[in-house]
Amino acid sequence: MVKHGLYIKANPKREEDSSSLRVGRCLVEAVRRRSERVVIEEIDVYRHPIPLIDGPFLSAREKMAGGSAPDQLEPEERASLERVHRLTDAFIAADFYIFAYPLWNFGIPPLLKAYIDTIKVARKTFRYTPEGPVGLLKDKTAILIQSSGDVYSRGPLMPFEHGSRYLRAVLSFIGMERIETILMEGMDTAREEREMKRRRAMEQAEQAAALLFA
């Protein structure tokens, strides 16, 4: 059986200038070396047209929650819904996910947030029940690769980490139970250690590749 993956890249820098993208590429190549029966699609949110949640989309969602069929929507509502759902459906169809991104201003890049808005969709990736929301994406794996200028996993900046913590919350909400994180921290505060931290992250990426075949 062929495994399908999505590699979601969220950094406008060139790959050779980005720690997260360099480690992301290392992981993608490690996965491909493990099996020829793997297809990985790459989505670069800075080059791929990522739709924003706009008025027509919200209007369409409200109408459909009230029982309207897609052919009852206004043309711009239907078009907005289709733009978002193309990415939603591609995400649902994948078996595993690799996210590579920096931590900016305590959070993820804005275009990655726009992408996340296309995958957290009621009745597609989760549903509401009388007992509360239930995630629908079971038996899938996500690996998060995050670089940051300072250290956020411990110490005084820990409360301000809204990158990997936010992504883990969203992915768990939509049903994922296997989520691994590779952190490169203090990349600006300890510049002399940058290369050592990248090498360590690449070693972790090699190990993480095995998780996708467990």
C-alpha atoms as a PDB file:
ATOM      1  CA  MET A   1       0.000   0.000   0.000  1.00  0.00           C
ATOM      2  CA  VAL A   2       1.291   3.454  -0.899  1.00  0.00           C
ATOM      3  CA  LYS A   3       1.550   5.953   1.969  1.00  0.00           C
ATOM      4  CA  HIS A   4       0.690   9.554   1.161  1.00  0.00           C
ATOM      5  CA  GLY A   5       2.231  12.467   3.003  1.00  0.00           C
ATOM      6  CA  LEU A   6       2.022  16.240   3.008  1.00  0.00           C
ATOM      7  CA  TYR A   7       5.089  18.393   3.621  1.00  0.00           C
ATOM      8  CA  ILE A   8       3.838  21.831   4.670  1.00  0.00           C
ATOM      9  CA  LYS A   9       6.563  24.465   4.426  1.00  0.00           C
ATOM     10  CA  ALA A  10       6.074  27.880   6.028  1.00  0.00           C
ATOM     11  CA  ASN A  11       9.133  30.052   5.575  1.00  0.00           C
ATOM     12  CA  PRO A  12       9.671  32.626   2.789  1.00  0.00           C
ATOM     13  CA  LYS A  13      13.450  32.126   2.968  1.00  0.00           C
ATOM     14  CA  ARG A  14      15.381  29.919   0.578  1.00  0.00           C
ATOM     15  CA  GLU A  15      15.741  26.386   1.875  1.00  0.00           C
ATOM     16  CA  GLU A  16      19.502  26.729   2.347  1.00  0.00           C
ATOM     17  CA  ASP A  17      18.934  29.823   4.529  1.00  0.00           C
ATOM     18  CA  SER A  18      16.275  28.291   6.779  1.00  0.00           C
ATOM     19  CA  SER A  19      17.019  25.875   9.612  1.00  0.00           C
ATOM     20  CA  SER A  20      13.469  24.509   9.719  1.00  0.00           C
ATOM     21  CA  LEU A  21      13.362  23.927   5.957  1.00  0.00           C
ATOM     22  CA  ARG A  22      16.786  22.261   5.930  1.00  0.00           C
ATOM     23  CA  VAL A  23      15.691  19.826   8.611  1.00  0.00           C
ATOM     24  CA  GLY A  24      12.342  19.377   6.881  1.00  0.00           C
ATOM     25  CA  ARG A  25      14.133  18.385   3.674  1.00  0.00           C
ATOM     26  CA  CYS A  26      16.296  15.973   5.667  1.00  0.00           C
ATOM     27  CA  LEU A  27      13.165  14.307   7.048  1.00  0.00           C
ATOM     28  CA  VAL A  28      11.449  14.110   3.652  1.00  0.00           C
ATOM     29  CA  GLU A  29      14.522  12.458   2.138  1.00  0.00           C
ATOM     30  CA  ALA A  30      14.820  10.060   5.092  1.00  0.00           C
ATOM     31  CA  VAL A  31      11.198   8.995   4.595  1.00  0.00           C
ATOM     32  CA  ARG A  32      11.720   8.449   0.864  1.00  0.00           C
ATOM     33  CA  ARG A  33      14.830   6.347   1.514  1.00  0.00           C
ATOM     34  CA  ARG A  34      12.840   4.025   3.743  1.00  0.00           C
ATOM     35  CA  SER A  35      10.306   3.087   1.105  1.00  0.00           C
ATOM     36  CA  GLU A  36       9.598   3.546  -2.577  1.00  0.00           C
ATOM     37  CA  ARG A  37       5.902   3.245  -1.785  1.00  0.00           C
ATOM     38  CA  VAL A  38       5.653   6.766  -0.427  1.00  0.00           C
ATOM     39  CA  VAL A  39       4.260   9.836  -2.181  1.00  0.00           C
ATOM     40  CA  ILE A  40       4.930  13.203  -0.532  1.00  0.00           C
ATOM     41  CA  GLU A  41       3.219  16.333  -1.817  1.00  0.00           C
ATOM     42  CA  GLU A  42       4.817  19.636  -0.863  1.00  0.00           C
ATOM     43  CA  ILE A  43       2.750  22.694   0.002  1.00  0.00           C
ATOM     44  CA  ASP A  44       4.720  25.912   0.349  1.00  0.00           C
ATOM     45  CA  VAL A  45       2.282  28.323   1.973  1.00  0.00           C
ATOM     46  CA  TYR A  46       4.331  31.289   0.709  1.00  0.00           C
ATOM     47  CA  ARG A  47       3.978  30.158  -2.894  1.00  0.00           C
ATOM     48  CA  HIS A  48       0.798  28.089  -2.898  1.00  0.00           C
ATOM     49  CA  PRO A  49      -2.400  30.200  -2.965  1.00  0.00           C
ATOM     50  CA  ILE A  50      -3.816  29.737   0.534  1.00  0.00           C
ATOM     51  CA  PRO A  51      -7.387  31.090   0.810  1.00  0.00           C
ATOM     52  CA  LEU A  52      -8.278  33.263   3.763  1.00  0.00           C
ATOM     53  CA  ILE A  53     -11.439  32.775   5.786  1.00  0.00           C
ATOM     54  CA  ASP A  54     -13.569  35.558   4.328  1.00  0.00           C
ATOM     55  CA  GLY A  55     -17.152  36.796   4.454  1.00  0.00           C
ATOM     56  CA  PRO A  56     -18.483  34.546   1.664  1.00  0.00           C
ATOM     57  CA  PHE A  57     -16.943  31.483   3.328  1.00  0.00           C
ATOM     58  CA  LEU A  58     -18.494  32.298   6.704  1.00  0.00           C
ATOM     59  CA  SER A  59     -21.829  32.973   5.048  1.00  0.00           C
ATOM     60  CA  ALA A  60     -21.659  29.667   3.156  1.00  0.00           C
ATOM     61  CA  ARG A  61     -20.741  27.757   6.297  1.00  0.00           C
ATOM     62  CA  GLU A  62     -23.648  29.277   8.210  1.00  0.00           C
ATOM     63  CA  LYS A  63     -26.111  28.448   5.443  1.00  0.00           C
ATOM     64  CA  MET A  64     -24.900  24.856   5.164  1.00  0.00           C
ATOM     65  CA  ALA A  65     -25.081  24.416   8.942  1.00  0.00           C
ATOM     66  CA  GLY A  66     -28.703  25.455   8.579  1.00  0.00           C
ATOM     67  CA  GLY A  67     -29.364  22.760   5.985  1.00  0.00           C
ATOM     68  CA  SER A  68     -28.640  24.474   2.662  1.00  0.00           C
ATOM     69  CA  ALA A  69     -27.121  22.391  -0.118  1.00  0.00           C
ATOM     70  CA  PRO A  70     -24.023  23.658  -2.009  1.00  0.00           C
ATOM     71  CA  ASP A  71     -26.094  24.415  -5.113  1.00  0.00           C
ATOM     72  CA  GLN A  72     -28.241  26.767  -3.016  1.00  0.00           C
ATOM     73  CA  LEU A  73     -25.304  29.025  -2.195  1.00  0.00           C
ATOM     74  CA  GLU A  74     -24.446  32.258  -3.952  1.00  0.00           C
ATOM     75  CA  PRO A  75     -21.688  31.841  -6.590  1.00  0.00           C
ATOM     76  CA  GLU A  76     -19.066  33.674  -4.531  1.00  0.00           C
ATOM     77  CA  GLU A  77     -20.004  31.683  -1.436  1.00  0.00           C
ATOM     78  CA  ARG A  78     -19.670  28.406  -3.304  1.00  0.00           C
ATOM     79  CA  ALA A  79     -16.346  29.489  -4.841  1.00  0.00           C
ATOM     80  CA  SER A  80     -14.922  30.477  -1.445  1.00  0.00           C
ATOM     81  CA  LEU A  81     -16.067  27.194   0.088  1.00  0.00           C
ATOM     82  CA  GLU A  82     -14.528  25.174  -2.741  1.00  0.00           C
ATOM     83  CA  ARG A  83     -11.154  26.962  -2.432  1.00  0.00           C
ATOM     84  CA  VAL A  84     -10.952  26.059   1.253  1.00  0.00           C
ATOM     85  CA  HIS A  85     -12.290  22.525   0.876  1.00  0.00           C
ATOM     86  CA  ARG A  86      -9.780  21.608  -1.833  1.00  0.00           C
ATOM     87  CA  LEU A  87      -7.056  21.945   0.787  1.00  0.00           C
ATOM     88  CA  THR A  88      -9.221  20.293   3.462  1.00  0.00           C
ATOM     89  CA  ASP A  89      -9.830  17.239   1.274  1.00  0.00           C
ATOM     90  CA  ALA A  90      -6.139  16.955   0.344  1.00  0.00           C
ATOM     91  CA  PHE A  91      -5.236  17.035   4.031  1.00  0.00           C
ATOM     92  CA  ILE A  92      -7.800  14.366   4.907  1.00  0.00           C
ATOM     93  CA  ALA A  93      -6.496  12.102   2.129  1.00  0.00           C
ATOM     94  CA  ALA A  94      -2.930  12.078   3.510  1.00  0.00           C
ATOM     95  CA  ASP A  95      -1.550   9.515   5.950  1.00  0.00           C
ATOM     96  CA  PHE A  96       1.116  11.694   7.563  1.00  0.00           C
ATOM     97  CA  TYR A  97       2.181  15.320   7.794  1.00  0.00           C
ATOM     98  CA  ILE A  98       5.453  17.202   8.147  1.00  0.00           C
ATOM     99  CA  PHE A  99       5.310  20.860   9.200  1.00  0.00           C
ATOM    100  CA  ALA A 100       8.451  23.013   8.954  1.00  0.00           C
ATOM    101  CA  TYR A 101       8.248  26.603  10.183  1.00  0.00           C
ATOM    102  CA  PRO A 102       9.865  29.238  12.429  1.00  0.00           C
ATOM    103  CA  LEU A 103       8.416  30.695  15.613  1.00  0.00           C
ATOM    104  CA  TRP A 104       7.701  34.369  14.900  1.00  0.00           C
ATOM    105  CA  ASN A 105       6.515  36.825  17.536  1.00  0.00           C
ATOM    106  CA  PHE A 106       5.502  33.931  19.812  1.00  0.00           C
ATOM    107  CA  GLY A 107       3.423  32.234  17.101  1.00  0.00           C
ATOM    108  CA  ILE A 108       3.423  30.509  13.722  1.00  0.00           C
ATOM    109  CA  PRO A 109       3.796  32.460  10.442  1.00  0.00           C
ATOM    110  CA  PRO A 110       0.498  34.064   9.346  1.00  0.00           C
ATOM    111  CA  LEU A 111       0.185  32.052   6.155  1.00  0.00           C
ATOM    112  CA  LEU A 112       0.601  28.823   8.106  1.00  0.00           C
ATOM    113  CA  LYS A 113      -2.261  29.998  10.349  1.00  0.00           C
ATOM    114  CA  ALA A 114      -4.318  30.585   7.178  1.00  0.00           C
ATOM    115  CA  TYR A 115      -3.529  27.025   6.099  1.00  0.00           C
ATOM    116  CA  ILE A 116      -4.545  25.658   9.512  1.00  0.00           C
ATOM    117  CA  ASP A 117      -7.884  27.419   9.067  1.00  0.00           C
ATOM    118  CA  THR A 118      -8.475  25.242   5.980  1.00  0.00           C
ATOM    119  CA  ILE A 119      -7.979  21.968   7.864  1.00  0.00           C
ATOM    120  CA  LYS A 120      -9.979  22.609  11.033  1.00  0.00           C
ATOM    121  CA  VAL A 121     -13.388  22.307   9.389  1.00  0.00           C
ATOM    122  CA  ALA A 122     -16.540  21.091  11.102  1.00  0.00           C
ATOM    123  CA  ARG A 123     -18.112  17.956   9.581  1.00  0.00           C
ATOM    124  CA  LYS A 124     -14.888  17.252   7.689  1.00  0.00           C
ATOM    125  CA  THR A 125     -12.038  16.961  10.199  1.00  0.00           C
ATOM    126  CA  PHE A 126     -14.157  17.060  13.360  1.00  0.00           C
ATOM    127  CA  ARG A 127     -17.808  16.948  14.310  1.00  0.00           C
ATOM    128  CA  TYR A 128     -19.932  18.145  17.169  1.00  0.00           C
ATOM    129  CA  THR A 129     -21.754  15.593  19.326  1.00  0.00           C
ATOM    130  CA  PRO A 130     -23.921  15.893  22.451  1.00  0.00           C
ATOM    131  CA  GLU A 131     -20.803  14.903  24.434  1.00  0.00           C
ATOM    132  CA  GLY A 132     -18.640  17.540  22.745  1.00  0.00           C
ATOM    133  CA  PRO A 133     -16.451  17.806  19.622  1.00  0.00           C
ATOM    134  CA  VAL A 134     -14.862  14.635  18.214  1.00  0.00           C
ATOM    135  CA  GLY A 135     -11.841  14.563  15.902  1.00  0.00           C
ATOM    136  CA  LEU A 136     -12.218  12.539  12.718  1.00  0.00           C
ATOM    137  CA  LEU A 137      -8.588  12.119  11.631  1.00  0.00           C
ATOM    138  CA  LYS A 138      -7.506   8.999  13.467  1.00  0.00           C
ATOM    139  CA  ASP A 139      -4.482   6.785  12.688  1.00  0.00           C
ATOM    140  CA  LYS A 140      -2.430   9.647  11.262  1.00  0.00           C
ATOM    141  CA  THR A 141       0.960  11.036  12.284  1.00  0.00           C
ATOM    142  CA  ALA A 142       2.312  14.584  12.321  1.00  0.00           C
ATOM    143  CA  ILE A 143       5.889  15.751  12.807  1.00  0.00           C
ATOM    144  CA  LEU A 144       6.485  19.404  13.691  1.00  0.00           C
ATOM    145  CA  ILE A 145       9.843  21.027  12.950  1.00  0.00           C
ATOM    146  CA  GLN A 146      10.163  24.400  14.667  1.00  0.00           C
ATOM    147  CA  SER A 147      13.086  26.797  14.877  1.00  0.00           C
ATOM    148  CA  SER A 148      13.180  29.786  17.214  1.00  0.00           C
ATOM    149  CA  GLY A 149      15.615  32.572  17.997  1.00  0.00           C
ATOM    150  CA  ASP A 150      15.267  32.100  21.745  1.00  0.00           C
ATOM    151  CA  VAL A 151      14.399  29.222  24.077  1.00  0.00           C
ATOM    152  CA  TYR A 152      10.684  28.684  24.724  1.00  0.00           C
ATOM    153  CA  SER A 153      10.420  25.074  25.897  1.00  0.00           C
ATOM    154  CA  ARG A 154      11.571  26.081  29.394  1.00  0.00           C
ATOM    155  CA  GLY A 155      12.400  29.175  31.371  1.00  0.00           C
ATOM    156  CA  PRO A 156      10.736  32.606  31.465  1.00  0.00           C
ATOM    157  CA  LEU A 157       9.589  32.575  27.822  1.00  0.00           C
ATOM    158  CA  MET A 158       7.718  29.284  28.098  1.00  0.00           C
ATOM    159  CA  PRO A 159       4.261  30.947  28.548  1.00  0.00           C
ATOM    160  CA  PHE A 160       4.785  32.780  25.245  1.00  0.00           C
ATOM    161  CA  GLU A 161       5.256  29.681  23.089  1.00  0.00           C
ATOM    162  CA  HIS A 162       2.221  29.567  20.800  1.00  0.00           C
ATOM    163  CA  GLY A 163       3.817  27.709  17.910  1.00  0.00           C
ATOM    164  CA  SER A 164       4.172  23.976  18.443  1.00  0.00           C
ATOM    165  CA  ARG A 165       1.776  24.193  21.388  1.00  0.00           C
ATOM    166  CA  TYR A 166      -0.924  25.681  19.149  1.00  0.00           C
ATOM    167  CA  LEU A 167      -0.339  23.185  16.331  1.00  0.00           C
ATOM    168  CA  ARG A 168      -0.416  20.235  18.707  1.00  0.00           C
ATOM    169  CA  ALA A 169      -3.711  21.525  20.138  1.00  0.00           C
ATOM    170  CA  VAL A 170      -5.308  21.845  16.687  1.00  0.00           C
ATOM    171  CA  LEU A 171      -4.034  18.494  15.424  1.00  0.00           C
ATOM    172  CA  SER A 172      -5.140  16.743  18.616  1.00  0.00           C
ATOM    173  CA  PHE A 173      -8.538  18.406  18.329  1.00  0.00           C
ATOM    174  CA  ILE A 174      -9.076  16.940  14.866  1.00  0.00           C
ATOM    175  CA  GLY A 175      -8.157  13.476  16.071  1.00  0.00           C
ATOM    176  CA  MET A 176      -4.393  12.942  15.818  1.00  0.00           C
ATOM    177  CA  GLU A 177      -2.718  11.066  18.624  1.00  0.00           C
ATOM    178  CA  ARG A 178       0.799  10.658  17.178  1.00  0.00           C
ATOM    179  CA  ILE A 179       2.444  14.090  17.101  1.00  0.00           C
ATOM    180  CA  GLU A 180       6.207  14.480  17.384  1.00  0.00           C
ATOM    181  CA  THR A 181       8.097  17.773  17.711  1.00  0.00           C
ATOM    182  CA  ILE A 182      11.651  18.622  16.683  1.00  0.00           C
ATOM    183  CA  LEU A 183      12.804  21.904  18.195  1.00  0.00           C
ATOM    184  CA  MET A 184      15.792  24.077  17.317  1.00  0.00           C
ATOM    185  CA  GLU A 185      15.883  26.733  20.006  1.00  0.00           C
ATOM    186  CA  GLY A 186      18.170  29.667  20.800  1.00  0.00           C
ATOM    187  CA  MET A 187      19.256  29.973  17.173  1.00  0.00           C
ATOM    188  CA  ASP A 188      19.851  33.711  17.627  1.00  0.00           C
ATOM    189  CA  THR A 189      20.983  33.838  21.239  1.00  0.00           C
ATOM    190  CA  ALA A 190      23.697  31.185  20.825  1.00  0.00           C
ATOM    191  CA  ARG A 191      24.779  31.604  17.212  1.00  0.00           C
ATOM    192  CA  GLU A 192      27.992  29.639  17.680  1.00  0.00           C
ATOM    193  CA  GLU A 193      25.868  26.572  18.460  1.00  0.00           C
ATOM    194  CA  ARG A 194      23.580  26.868  15.430  1.00  0.00           C
ATOM    195  CA  GLU A 195      25.213  24.193  13.305  1.00  0.00           C
ATOM    196  CA  MET A 196      25.406  21.762  16.204  1.00  0.00           C
ATOM    197  CA  LYS A 197      21.683  22.275  16.877  1.00  0.00           C
ATOM    198  CA  ARG A 198      20.849  21.747  13.198  1.00  0.00           C
ATOM    199  CA  ARG A 199      22.853  18.514  13.132  1.00  0.00           C
ATOM    200  CA  ARG A 200      21.086  17.290  16.252  1.00  0.00           C
ATOM    201  CA  ALA A 201      17.704  18.128  14.706  1.00  0.00           C
ATOM    202  CA  MET A 202      18.653  16.248  11.534  1.00  0.00           C
ATOM    203  CA  GLU A 203      19.507  13.205  13.635  1.00  0.00           C
ATOM    204  CA  GLN A 204      16.084  13.488  15.262  1.00  0.00           C
ATOM    205  CA  ALA A 205      14.536  13.747  11.787  1.00  0.00           C
ATOM    206  CA  GLU A 206      16.179  10.486  10.760  1.00  0.00           C
ATOM    207  CA  GLN A 207      14.708   8.836  13.849  1.00  0.00           C
ATOM    208  CA  ALA A 208      11.289  10.436  13.283  1.00  0.00           C
ATOM    209  CA  ALA A 209      11.121   8.948   9.794  1.00  0.00           C
ATOM    210  CA  ALA A 210      10.789   5.519  11.393  1.00  0.00           C
ATOM    211  CA  LEU A 211       7.621   6.610  13.186  1.00  0.00           C
ATOM    212  CA  LEU A 212       5.815   6.974   9.892  1.00  0.00           C
ATOM    213  CA  PHE A 213       6.268   3.262   9.192  1.00  0.00           C
ATOM    214  CA  ALA A 214       5.547   1.999  12.727  1.00  0.00           C
END
